[in-house]
Amino acid sequence: MATAEAKNFERSDETRPFVGHGKMDIVQLTDGTVGKGVFEPGWRWSQDVKPLAKTDSCQARHLGYVLSGRMRVRMDDGSEVEVGPGDVVKIDPGHDAWTVGDEVCVMVDFAGAAHYAQK
């Protein structure tokens, strides 16, 4: 039987605060987990999530959509990309990232949220 589900980030199933500078709101659907990251100015994965992840770099694979703000991503091999509003992104495991500028970066993550910033 076909089904449909709807959830709203304003009533998320879980909120995972970063060590500083933001949070990840989580909604659980039957077929997966979706997260909305709120990355405040000054946020950097290696400072705000690494203490929770306990890995040298982010090992989550992200498939996301940037709603607002800007973020720079540096892969472990040194390559970099900057993303902003309207960008659809795929980020493989093995990276650091940080918010660029004074605007909050908000990104919806359709692939990497299941265990992201989980204690």
N, C-alpha and C. Protein backbone atom coordinates (compact mmCIF):
# COMPACT_ATOMS: atom_id res chain seq x y z
N MET A 1 0.83 -1.18 0.00
CA MET A 1 0.00 0.00 0.00
C MET A 1 0.88 1.25 0.00
N ALA A 2 0.54 2.21 -0.80
CA ALA A 2 1.28 3.46 -0.89
C ALA A 2 1.02 4.30 0.35
N THR A 3 2.06 5.00 0.80
CA THR A 3 1.92 5.87 1.96
C THR A 3 2.54 7.22 1.67
N ALA A 4 2.20 8.18 2.50
CA ALA A 4 2.81 9.50 2.44
C ALA A 4 3.08 9.93 3.87
N GLU A 5 4.18 10.64 4.06
CA GLU A 5 4.53 11.14 5.38
C GLU A 5 4.89 12.61 5.27
N ALA A 6 4.65 13.34 6.34
CA ALA A 6 5.07 14.74 6.40
C ALA A 6 5.48 15.05 7.83
N LYS A 7 6.61 15.71 7.97
CA LYS A 7 7.07 16.19 9.26
C LYS A 7 7.58 17.60 9.06
N ASN A 8 7.69 18.33 10.17
CA ASN A 8 8.09 19.72 10.10
C ASN A 8 9.29 19.94 11.03
N PHE A 9 10.30 20.63 10.56
CA PHE A 9 11.47 20.89 11.39
C PHE A 9 11.14 21.74 12.61
N GLU A 10 10.04 22.49 12.58
CA GLU A 10 9.64 23.27 13.75
C GLU A 10 9.21 22.36 14.91
N ARG A 11 8.86 21.12 14.59
CA ARG A 11 8.51 20.11 15.59
C ARG A 11 9.39 18.88 15.35
N SER A 12 10.69 19.11 15.32
CA SER A 12 11.64 18.03 15.00
C SER A 12 11.58 16.91 16.02
N ASP A 13 12.01 15.72 15.60
CA ASP A 13 12.07 14.57 16.50
C ASP A 13 13.21 14.69 17.49
N GLU A 14 14.24 15.43 17.10
CA GLU A 14 15.42 15.58 17.93
C GLU A 14 16.16 16.84 17.51
N THR A 15 16.79 17.51 18.47
CA THR A 15 17.68 18.62 18.18
C THR A 15 19.03 18.28 18.77
N ARG A 16 20.07 18.33 17.95
CA ARG A 16 21.43 18.05 18.38
C ARG A 16 22.24 19.34 18.38
N PRO A 17 22.47 19.92 19.55
CA PRO A 17 23.28 21.14 19.60
C PRO A 17 24.74 20.81 19.31
N PHE A 18 25.40 21.71 18.60
CA PHE A 18 26.84 21.59 18.38
C PHE A 18 27.55 22.05 19.65
N VAL A 19 28.85 21.81 19.76
CA VAL A 19 29.61 22.29 20.91
C VAL A 19 29.46 23.80 21.00
N GLY A 20 29.36 24.46 19.89
CA GLY A 20 29.11 25.89 19.81
C GLY A 20 28.57 26.21 18.43
N HIS A 21 27.97 27.36 18.27
CA HIS A 21 27.63 27.89 16.95
C HIS A 21 26.58 27.12 16.16
N GLY A 22 25.54 26.62 16.78
CA GLY A 22 24.45 26.06 15.98
C GLY A 22 23.91 24.74 16.45
N LYS A 23 23.17 24.10 15.54
CA LYS A 23 22.48 22.85 15.88
C LYS A 23 22.08 22.11 14.61
N MET A 24 21.65 20.86 14.81
CA MET A 24 21.08 20.06 13.73
C MET A 24 19.72 19.57 14.22
N ASP A 25 18.65 19.98 13.53
CA ASP A 25 17.31 19.48 13.83
C ASP A 25 17.08 18.24 12.98
N ILE A 26 16.52 17.20 13.59
CA ILE A 26 16.36 15.90 12.94
C ILE A 26 14.89 15.53 12.84
N VAL A 27 14.48 15.05 11.66
CA VAL A 27 13.18 14.40 11.51
C VAL A 27 13.42 13.00 10.97
N GLN A 28 12.70 12.05 11.56
CA GLN A 28 12.80 10.65 11.16
C GLN A 28 11.59 10.30 10.30
N LEU A 29 11.87 9.80 9.11
CA LEU A 29 10.82 9.29 8.24
C LEU A 29 11.02 7.78 8.10
N THR A 30 10.02 7.09 7.65
CA THR A 30 10.12 5.64 7.51
C THR A 30 11.35 5.22 6.71
N ASP A 31 11.64 5.94 5.63
CA ASP A 31 12.75 5.56 4.74
C ASP A 31 14.04 6.31 4.99
N GLY A 32 14.13 7.10 6.06
CA GLY A 32 15.40 7.77 6.32
C GLY A 32 15.28 8.95 7.27
N THR A 33 16.44 9.52 7.51
CA THR A 33 16.59 10.65 8.43
C THR A 33 16.96 11.88 7.63
N VAL A 34 16.32 12.99 7.91
CA VAL A 34 16.63 14.26 7.26
C VAL A 34 16.99 15.26 8.36
N GLY A 35 18.05 16.02 8.11
CA GLY A 35 18.48 17.01 9.08
C GLY A 35 18.49 18.40 8.50
N LYS A 36 18.23 19.37 9.35
CA LYS A 36 18.38 20.78 8.97
C LYS A 36 19.45 21.36 9.87
N GLY A 37 20.60 21.65 9.27
CA GLY A 37 21.71 22.22 10.01
C GLY A 37 21.62 23.73 10.04
N VAL A 38 21.81 24.29 11.22
CA VAL A 38 21.87 25.73 11.42
C VAL A 38 23.29 26.03 11.88
N PHE A 39 24.10 26.53 10.95
CA PHE A 39 25.53 26.75 11.19
C PHE A 39 25.75 28.25 11.36
N GLU A 40 25.90 28.66 12.60
CA GLU A 40 26.03 30.08 12.92
C GLU A 40 27.40 30.62 12.52
N PRO A 41 27.52 31.94 12.35
CA PRO A 41 28.83 32.54 12.08
C PRO A 41 29.84 32.05 13.12
N GLY A 42 31.01 31.69 12.66
CA GLY A 42 32.04 31.16 13.55
C GLY A 42 32.05 29.64 13.63
N TRP A 43 30.99 28.98 13.10
CA TRP A 43 30.93 27.53 13.14
C TRP A 43 32.03 26.92 12.27
N ARG A 44 32.65 25.88 12.79
CA ARG A 44 33.63 25.11 12.03
C ARG A 44 33.51 23.67 12.51
N TRP A 45 33.43 22.73 11.57
CA TRP A 45 33.27 21.32 11.95
C TRP A 45 34.36 20.89 12.92
N SER A 46 35.62 21.25 12.63
CA SER A 46 36.74 20.79 13.44
C SER A 46 36.73 21.36 14.86
N GLN A 47 35.92 22.38 15.11
CA GLN A 47 35.80 22.94 16.46
C GLN A 47 34.47 22.60 17.12
N ASP A 48 33.40 22.57 16.32
CA ASP A 48 32.06 22.46 16.88
C ASP A 48 31.42 21.08 16.80
N VAL A 49 31.94 20.20 15.94
CA VAL A 49 31.38 18.86 15.82
C VAL A 49 32.42 17.78 16.08
N LYS A 50 33.67 18.04 15.74
CA LYS A 50 34.74 17.05 15.96
C LYS A 50 34.76 16.50 17.38
N PRO A 51 34.58 17.34 18.42
CA PRO A 51 34.57 16.78 19.78
C PRO A 51 33.44 15.76 20.01
N LEU A 52 32.35 15.88 19.25
CA LEU A 52 31.25 14.93 19.34
C LEU A 52 31.51 13.69 18.49
N ALA A 53 32.06 13.90 17.30
CA ALA A 53 32.29 12.80 16.36
C ALA A 53 33.50 11.95 16.74
N LYS A 54 34.48 12.60 17.34
CA LYS A 54 35.72 11.91 17.73
C LYS A 54 36.44 11.27 16.53
N THR A 55 36.42 11.97 15.40
CA THR A 55 37.17 11.58 14.20
C THR A 55 38.01 12.77 13.76
N ASP A 56 39.05 12.52 12.97
CA ASP A 56 39.93 13.61 12.53
C ASP A 56 39.25 14.56 11.55
N SER A 57 38.34 14.03 10.74
CA SER A 57 37.57 14.85 9.81
C SER A 57 36.16 14.28 9.77
N CYS A 58 35.25 15.02 9.17
CA CYS A 58 33.86 14.56 9.11
C CYS A 58 33.78 13.33 8.22
N GLN A 59 33.20 12.27 8.74
CA GLN A 59 33.10 11.01 8.00
C GLN A 59 31.69 10.74 7.49
N ALA A 60 30.83 11.77 7.56
CA ALA A 60 29.47 11.64 7.02
C ALA A 60 29.49 11.99 5.54
N ARG A 61 28.65 11.32 4.77
CA ARG A 61 28.41 11.66 3.36
C ARG A 61 27.16 12.52 3.35
N HIS A 62 27.28 13.72 2.80
CA HIS A 62 26.15 14.65 2.80
C HIS A 62 25.58 14.81 1.40
N LEU A 63 24.28 14.87 1.33
CA LEU A 63 23.56 15.22 0.11
C LEU A 63 22.57 16.27 0.55
N GLY A 64 22.83 17.53 0.18
CA GLY A 64 22.06 18.59 0.79
C GLY A 64 21.65 19.70 -0.15
N TYR A 65 20.88 20.61 0.43
CA TYR A 65 20.40 21.80 -0.26
C TYR A 65 20.59 22.99 0.67
N VAL A 66 21.30 24.01 0.18
CA VAL A 66 21.60 25.19 0.99
C VAL A 66 20.45 26.19 0.86
N LEU A 67 19.86 26.53 2.01
CA LEU A 67 18.76 27.49 2.02
C LEU A 67 19.25 28.93 2.16
N SER A 68 20.29 29.12 2.99
CA SER A 68 20.79 30.48 3.21
C SER A 68 22.23 30.41 3.70
N GLY A 69 22.91 31.55 3.60
CA GLY A 69 24.29 31.64 4.06
C GLY A 69 25.27 30.93 3.14
N ARG A 70 26.53 30.89 3.59
CA ARG A 70 27.59 30.28 2.78
C ARG A 70 28.43 29.38 3.66
N MET A 71 28.95 28.32 3.04
CA MET A 71 29.82 27.38 3.73
C MET A 71 30.95 26.98 2.79
N ARG A 72 32.13 26.88 3.35
CA ARG A 72 33.31 26.42 2.61
C ARG A 72 33.64 25.02 3.12
N VAL A 73 33.95 24.11 2.19
CA VAL A 73 34.27 22.72 2.51
C VAL A 73 35.66 22.41 1.99
N ARG A 74 36.49 21.88 2.88
CA ARG A 74 37.84 21.45 2.47
C ARG A 74 37.94 19.94 2.66
N MET A 75 38.18 19.25 1.55
CA MET A 75 38.33 17.80 1.58
C MET A 75 39.70 17.45 2.16
N ASP A 76 39.85 16.23 2.65
CA ASP A 76 41.12 15.80 3.23
C ASP A 76 42.28 15.90 2.23
N ASP A 77 41.97 15.84 0.92
CA ASP A 77 43.04 15.95 -0.09
C ASP A 77 43.42 17.41 -0.37
N GLY A 78 42.77 18.38 0.30
CA GLY A 78 43.09 19.79 0.14
C GLY A 78 42.19 20.53 -0.83
N SER A 79 41.39 19.83 -1.64
CA SER A 79 40.49 20.52 -2.56
C SER A 79 39.37 21.19 -1.77
N GLU A 80 38.85 22.31 -2.30
CA GLU A 80 37.84 23.09 -1.61
C GLU A 80 36.71 23.48 -2.55
N VAL A 81 35.55 23.70 -1.95
CA VAL A 81 34.40 24.22 -2.67
C VAL A 81 33.63 25.12 -1.71
N GLU A 82 33.03 26.18 -2.25
CA GLU A 82 32.17 27.04 -1.45
C GLU A 82 30.76 26.92 -1.98
N VAL A 83 29.78 26.81 -1.07
CA VAL A 83 28.39 26.65 -1.46
C VAL A 83 27.55 27.74 -0.83
N GLY A 84 26.44 28.05 -1.49
CA GLY A 84 25.56 29.09 -1.00
C GLY A 84 24.11 28.82 -1.38
N PRO A 85 23.24 29.79 -1.15
CA PRO A 85 21.81 29.61 -1.36
C PRO A 85 21.47 29.06 -2.73
N GLY A 86 20.63 28.02 -2.73
CA GLY A 86 20.19 27.40 -3.97
C GLY A 86 21.08 26.27 -4.45
N ASP A 87 22.25 26.10 -3.84
CA ASP A 87 23.17 25.03 -4.27
C ASP A 87 22.72 23.68 -3.72
N VAL A 88 22.78 22.68 -4.57
CA VAL A 88 22.60 21.28 -4.18
C VAL A 88 24.00 20.71 -4.08
N VAL A 89 24.31 20.04 -2.96
CA VAL A 89 25.68 19.61 -2.71
C VAL A 89 25.77 18.13 -2.40
N LYS A 90 26.88 17.53 -2.84
CA LYS A 90 27.26 16.19 -2.43
C LYS A 90 28.65 16.33 -1.86
N ILE A 91 28.82 15.91 -0.62
CA ILE A 91 30.11 16.01 0.05
C ILE A 91 30.45 14.63 0.58
N ASP A 92 31.52 14.06 0.08
CA ASP A 92 31.93 12.73 0.51
C ASP A 92 32.58 12.78 1.89
N PRO A 93 32.68 11.65 2.57
CA PRO A 93 33.38 11.60 3.86
C PRO A 93 34.82 12.08 3.70
N GLY A 94 35.35 12.66 4.78
CA GLY A 94 36.73 13.12 4.78
C GLY A 94 36.83 14.60 4.47
N HIS A 95 36.27 15.45 5.34
CA HIS A 95 36.30 16.88 5.09
C HIS A 95 36.17 17.67 6.39
N ASP A 96 36.53 18.93 6.30
CA ASP A 96 36.25 19.94 7.31
C ASP A 96 35.36 20.97 6.60
N ALA A 97 34.66 21.79 7.35
CA ALA A 97 33.81 22.81 6.75
C ALA A 97 33.63 23.94 7.74
N TRP A 98 33.32 25.14 7.22
CA TRP A 98 33.11 26.28 8.10
C TRP A 98 32.17 27.27 7.44
N THR A 99 31.47 28.03 8.29
CA THR A 99 30.58 29.07 7.82
C THR A 99 31.43 30.25 7.33
N VAL A 100 31.03 30.81 6.20
CA VAL A 100 31.71 31.96 5.61
C VAL A 100 30.86 33.20 5.86
N GLY A 101 31.47 34.23 6.41
CA GLY A 101 30.77 35.50 6.60
C GLY A 101 29.97 35.57 7.88
N ASP A 102 29.09 36.56 7.93
CA ASP A 102 28.33 36.87 9.14
C ASP A 102 26.89 36.40 9.09
N GLU A 103 26.53 35.62 8.07
CA GLU A 103 25.16 35.13 7.95
C GLU A 103 25.11 33.66 8.34
N VAL A 104 24.05 33.26 9.02
CA VAL A 104 23.83 31.86 9.38
C VAL A 104 23.68 31.06 8.08
N CYS A 105 24.35 29.93 8.01
CA CYS A 105 24.18 29.00 6.89
C CYS A 105 23.18 27.93 7.32
N VAL A 106 22.13 27.76 6.54
CA VAL A 106 21.12 26.75 6.83
C VAL A 106 21.11 25.78 5.65
N MET A 107 21.26 24.50 5.97
CA MET A 107 21.33 23.47 4.94
C MET A 107 20.47 22.28 5.35
N VAL A 108 19.70 21.75 4.41
CA VAL A 108 18.94 20.52 4.62
C VAL A 108 19.78 19.37 4.08
N ASP A 109 19.98 18.35 4.93
CA ASP A 109 20.83 17.21 4.58
C ASP A 109 19.96 15.96 4.49
N PHE A 110 19.93 15.37 3.29
CA PHE A 110 19.09 14.21 3.03
C PHE A 110 19.83 12.89 3.18
N ALA A 111 21.15 12.93 3.42
CA ALA A 111 21.90 11.67 3.47
C ALA A 111 22.74 11.50 4.71
N GLY A 112 23.30 12.57 5.26
CA GLY A 112 24.30 12.41 6.31
C GLY A 112 23.86 12.74 7.72
N ALA A 113 22.56 12.85 7.96
CA ALA A 113 22.10 13.34 9.25
C ALA A 113 21.86 12.25 10.30
N ALA A 114 21.80 11.00 9.91
CA ALA A 114 21.41 9.94 10.84
C ALA A 114 22.22 9.96 12.13
N HIS A 115 23.52 10.13 12.03
CA HIS A 115 24.37 10.12 13.23
C HIS A 115 25.18 11.40 13.39
N TYR A 116 24.93 12.40 12.57
CA TYR A 116 25.68 13.65 12.60
C TYR A 116 25.51 14.38 13.92
N ALA A 117 26.61 14.77 14.53
CA ALA A 117 26.63 15.53 15.80
C ALA A 117 25.90 14.80 16.93
N GLN A 118 25.85 13.50 16.81
CA GLN A 118 25.20 12.69 17.84
C GLN A 118 26.18 12.40 18.96
N LYS A 119 25.74 12.55 20.19
CA LYS A 119 26.60 12.29 21.34
C LYS A 119 26.67 10.80 21.61
